[in-house]
Amino acid sequence: MSKNPPWVAAVFDLDGTLCDTIALIVTSFRHAHREVLDIDLDEAEARAWIGRTLPDIYAPHGELAPVLRESYVRFNLANLERLQTSFEGIDRLLDNLEEAGVRLGVATSKHRAAAERSLAAAGLAHRVPLLASLDDTARHKPHPDPLVHAFEALGVEPGKGVYVGDAVVDIQAAKAAGCDQIAVTWGAGDRTELMLADPTAVCDEVDELARWLLG
């Protein structure tokens, strides 16, 4: 591993990047649609929503939007520890980055309480600070505000950092923030769509991501 990592700071998306919450999120979306709309939501459509905020996703449903959000959140929190799993090697990667002196953070579209529970369930809460959640900025990905907020908290200019995520909105937000972007394919994003977003790099395995971040 390099003693001079290419980036001073690395900020990570949470869902589908650090924590395997894909099954949890998809099941939560489908539950809300069945409970509120009596619709059997297609799994592929639900996966495509990951990375966006709940208000944005449910806005087209008008007065039912808050009911859908409440149904989603209730189910999601009740089943978080049961349905969330971990990506092998992420804990080791974060330890190696900290040892190399890279400043670490998380920028997520989740509410802070839920994000903290996900990090704790994955055993990552003590490894990487949660710097930007849905509660911290008025605008959210693909807007750059959460990432800018996170890099400011780390005391690093975005241009000296990298954002790692599994969705196209992650790449878009990172470009708008002025930092480099690494797309990972073990989350919910489609690899072809991630490639078309033209990130700095695309990684299919955690070890490949480690080589980019550590040398």
Protein backbone atom coordinates (compact mmCIF):
# COMPACT_ATOMS: atom_id res chain seq x y z
CA MET A 1 0.00 0.00 0.00
CA SER A 2 1.20 3.51 -0.78
CA LYS A 3 2.40 5.75 2.03
CA ASN A 4 1.19 8.69 -0.06
CA PRO A 5 -2.46 8.08 -0.94
CA PRO A 6 -3.68 10.10 -3.94
CA TRP A 7 -6.44 11.84 -1.96
CA VAL A 8 -6.27 13.65 1.36
CA ALA A 9 -9.85 12.68 2.18
CA ALA A 10 -12.34 10.01 1.12
CA VAL A 11 -16.07 10.51 1.68
CA PHE A 12 -18.39 7.55 1.16
CA ASP A 13 -22.01 7.01 0.33
CA LEU A 14 -23.65 4.67 2.84
CA ASP A 15 -26.34 2.48 1.25
CA GLY A 16 -24.87 0.01 -1.22
CA THR A 17 -21.35 1.34 -0.70
CA LEU A 18 -20.33 0.87 2.93
CA CYS A 19 -23.38 -1.11 4.10
CA ASP A 20 -25.34 -3.75 2.20
CA THR A 21 -28.79 -2.28 2.75
CA ILE A 22 -30.10 -3.08 -0.73
CA ALA A 23 -32.47 -5.86 0.32
CA LEU A 24 -33.66 -3.76 3.26
CA ILE A 25 -34.39 -0.72 1.09
CA VAL A 26 -36.05 -2.62 -1.76
CA THR A 27 -38.23 -4.56 0.68
CA SER A 28 -39.17 -1.30 2.43
CA PHE A 29 -40.20 0.34 -0.85
CA ARG A 30 -42.29 -2.68 -1.81
CA HIS A 31 -43.90 -2.83 1.63
CA ALA A 32 -44.95 0.84 1.45
CA HIS A 33 -46.44 0.44 -2.01
CA ARG A 34 -48.42 -2.63 -0.96
CA GLU A 35 -49.62 -1.09 2.29
CA VAL A 36 -50.58 2.36 0.99
CA LEU A 37 -51.25 1.91 -2.73
CA ASP A 38 -52.06 -1.81 -2.91
CA ILE A 39 -49.48 -2.09 -5.69
CA ASP A 40 -46.85 -4.81 -6.09
CA LEU A 41 -43.84 -2.61 -6.90
CA ASP A 42 -41.32 -4.06 -9.35
CA GLU A 43 -37.99 -4.83 -7.65
CA ALA A 44 -35.93 -3.31 -10.47
CA GLU A 45 -37.85 -0.04 -10.20
CA ALA A 46 -37.30 0.02 -6.44
CA ARG A 47 -33.55 -0.58 -6.87
CA ALA A 48 -33.35 2.33 -9.31
CA TRP A 49 -34.61 4.70 -6.60
CA ILE A 50 -31.75 3.97 -4.22
CA GLY A 51 -29.60 7.04 -3.59
CA ARG A 52 -32.46 9.53 -3.90
CA THR A 53 -34.32 11.01 -0.94
CA LEU A 54 -37.73 9.73 0.13
CA PRO A 55 -39.41 13.15 -0.36
CA ASP A 56 -38.11 13.22 -3.94
CA ILE A 57 -39.16 9.63 -4.67
CA TYR A 58 -42.67 9.96 -3.27
CA ALA A 59 -43.42 13.53 -4.39
CA PRO A 60 -45.45 12.39 -7.46
CA HIS A 61 -47.99 10.76 -5.11
CA GLY A 62 -49.18 14.12 -3.76
CA GLU A 63 -51.11 13.89 -0.51
CA LEU A 64 -50.18 10.22 -0.14
CA ALA A 65 -46.45 11.05 -0.16
CA PRO A 66 -46.13 11.50 3.63
CA VAL A 67 -48.14 8.32 4.21
CA LEU A 68 -45.79 6.39 1.92
CA ARG A 69 -42.75 7.84 3.67
CA GLU A 70 -44.13 6.93 7.08
CA SER A 71 -44.86 3.37 5.94
CA TYR A 72 -41.38 3.01 4.45
CA VAL A 73 -39.58 4.38 7.49
CA ARG A 74 -41.60 2.32 9.97
CA PHE A 75 -40.86 -0.93 8.14
CA ASN A 76 -37.24 0.00 7.43
CA LEU A 77 -36.36 0.76 11.04
CA ALA A 78 -38.22 -2.29 12.35
CA ASN A 79 -36.25 -4.60 10.04
CA LEU A 80 -32.87 -2.86 9.73
CA GLU A 81 -30.77 -5.25 11.77
CA ARG A 82 -32.58 -8.29 10.32
CA LEU A 83 -32.17 -7.42 6.64
CA GLN A 84 -28.95 -5.39 6.51
CA THR A 85 -25.71 -7.26 5.84
CA SER A 86 -22.06 -6.24 5.39
CA PHE A 87 -19.73 -6.05 2.42
CA GLU A 88 -16.64 -8.15 3.04
CA GLY A 89 -13.44 -6.12 3.34
CA ILE A 90 -14.98 -2.69 3.95
CA ASP A 91 -13.94 -2.66 7.62
CA ARG A 92 -10.36 -3.54 6.67
CA LEU A 93 -10.31 -0.88 3.95
CA LEU A 94 -11.41 1.83 6.38
CA ASP A 95 -8.80 0.75 8.93
CA ASN A 96 -6.08 0.88 6.26
CA LEU A 97 -7.17 4.32 5.08
CA GLU A 98 -7.12 5.68 8.63
CA GLU A 99 -3.67 4.19 9.18
CA ALA A 100 -2.50 5.89 5.96
CA GLY A 101 -3.72 9.25 7.26
CA VAL A 102 -6.68 9.64 4.91
CA ARG A 103 -9.52 11.65 6.45
CA LEU A 104 -12.79 9.73 6.26
CA GLY A 105 -16.46 10.64 6.23
CA VAL A 106 -19.94 9.61 5.14
CA ALA A 107 -22.44 11.65 3.10
CA THR A 108 -25.82 9.94 2.81
CA SER A 109 -29.41 10.69 1.85
CA LYS A 110 -30.61 8.87 4.98
CA HIS A 111 -31.84 10.64 8.09
CA ARG A 112 -29.07 10.73 10.70
CA ALA A 113 -30.74 8.35 13.17
CA ALA A 114 -31.23 5.64 10.55
CA ALA A 115 -27.73 6.14 9.13
CA GLU A 116 -26.19 5.82 12.59
CA ARG A 117 -28.06 2.56 13.12
CA SER A 118 -26.81 1.22 9.78
CA LEU A 119 -23.20 2.08 10.59
CA ALA A 120 -23.54 0.48 14.02
CA ALA A 121 -25.14 -2.67 12.58
CA ALA A 122 -22.23 -3.01 10.15
CA GLY A 123 -19.65 -2.46 12.89
CA LEU A 124 -18.42 0.72 11.19
CA ALA A 125 -19.60 3.44 13.58
CA HIS A 126 -16.17 3.79 15.22
CA ARG A 127 -14.35 3.63 11.89
CA VAL A 128 -15.91 6.47 9.90
CA PRO A 129 -17.77 9.57 11.08
CA LEU A 130 -21.20 10.44 9.71
CA LEU A 131 -20.66 14.00 8.46
CA ALA A 132 -23.64 14.70 6.19
CA SER A 133 -27.14 13.26 6.38
CA LEU A 134 -30.56 14.24 5.07
CA ASP A 135 -30.88 16.49 8.13
CA ASP A 136 -27.79 18.59 7.40
CA THR A 137 -28.48 20.32 4.07
CA ALA A 138 -31.51 21.76 2.32
CA ARG A 139 -30.55 20.23 -1.02
CA HIS A 140 -29.44 16.64 -1.57
CA LYS A 141 -27.76 14.47 -4.18
CA PRO A 142 -27.40 15.00 -7.11
CA HIS A 143 -26.82 18.51 -5.75
CA PRO A 144 -23.30 18.87 -4.30
CA ASP A 145 -24.34 20.36 -0.95
CA PRO A 146 -24.00 17.19 1.21
CA LEU A 147 -20.54 16.47 -0.16
CA VAL A 148 -19.39 20.07 0.24
CA HIS A 149 -20.69 19.96 3.83
CA ALA A 150 -18.75 16.75 4.51
CA PHE A 151 -15.47 18.02 3.07
CA GLU A 152 -15.83 21.27 5.01
CA ALA A 153 -16.26 19.24 8.20
CA LEU A 154 -13.05 17.38 7.36
CA GLY A 155 -11.21 20.65 6.68
CA VAL A 156 -10.37 19.56 3.13
CA GLU A 157 -11.04 21.28 -0.18
CA PRO A 158 -13.24 19.02 -2.36
CA GLY A 159 -10.65 19.14 -5.11
CA LYS A 160 -8.24 17.23 -2.86
CA GLY A 161 -10.76 14.52 -2.06
CA VAL A 162 -12.79 11.70 -3.58
CA TYR A 163 -16.38 10.55 -3.17
CA VAL A 164 -17.20 6.85 -3.40
CA GLY A 165 -20.74 5.72 -4.25
CA ASP A 166 -22.84 3.14 -6.06
CA ALA A 167 -25.37 5.37 -7.84
CA VAL A 168 -25.34 7.78 -10.75
CA VAL A 169 -26.54 10.57 -8.43
CA ASP A 170 -23.39 10.00 -6.36
CA ILE A 171 -21.20 10.62 -9.40
CA GLN A 172 -23.24 13.67 -10.40
CA ALA A 173 -23.03 15.15 -6.90
CA ALA A 174 -19.28 14.57 -6.71
CA LYS A 175 -18.67 16.22 -10.06
CA ALA A 176 -20.76 19.20 -9.01
CA ALA A 177 -18.81 19.43 -5.74
CA GLY A 178 -15.50 19.45 -7.60
CA CYS A 179 -14.04 16.23 -6.18
CA ASP A 180 -13.01 13.02 -7.91
CA GLN A 181 -15.53 10.19 -8.13
CA ILE A 182 -15.27 6.42 -7.75
CA ALA A 183 -18.29 4.29 -8.63
CA VAL A 184 -18.61 0.86 -7.05
CA THR A 185 -20.70 -1.89 -8.61
CA TRP A 186 -21.54 -4.03 -5.56
CA GLY A 187 -24.52 -1.82 -4.67
CA ALA A 188 -27.74 -0.98 -6.48
CA GLY A 189 -26.35 0.87 -9.48
CA ASP A 190 -26.22 -0.53 -12.99
CA ARG A 191 -22.60 -0.85 -14.17
CA THR A 192 -23.32 0.43 -17.67
CA GLU A 193 -25.13 3.50 -16.33
CA LEU A 194 -22.30 4.15 -13.89
CA MET A 195 -19.76 3.95 -16.72
CA LEU A 196 -21.84 6.37 -18.81
CA ALA A 197 -21.69 8.85 -15.92
CA ASP A 198 -17.93 8.96 -16.62
CA PRO A 199 -16.48 8.78 -13.08
CA THR A 200 -12.78 8.90 -12.28
CA ALA A 201 -12.87 5.13 -11.77
CA VAL A 202 -15.27 2.18 -11.56
CA CYS A 203 -14.48 -0.61 -9.10
CA ASP A 204 -16.05 -4.06 -9.06
CA GLU A 205 -14.39 -5.31 -5.86
CA VAL A 206 -13.35 -3.84 -2.52
CA ASP A 207 -9.71 -4.80 -3.15
CA GLU A 208 -9.81 -2.82 -6.40
CA LEU A 209 -11.18 0.18 -4.52
CA ALA A 210 -8.38 -0.20 -1.98
CA ARG A 211 -5.78 -0.04 -4.76
CA TRP A 212 -7.28 3.23 -6.00
CA LEU A 213 -7.53 4.80 -2.56
CA LEU A 214 -4.24 3.56 -1.14
CA GLY A 215 -2.01 2.96 -4.15
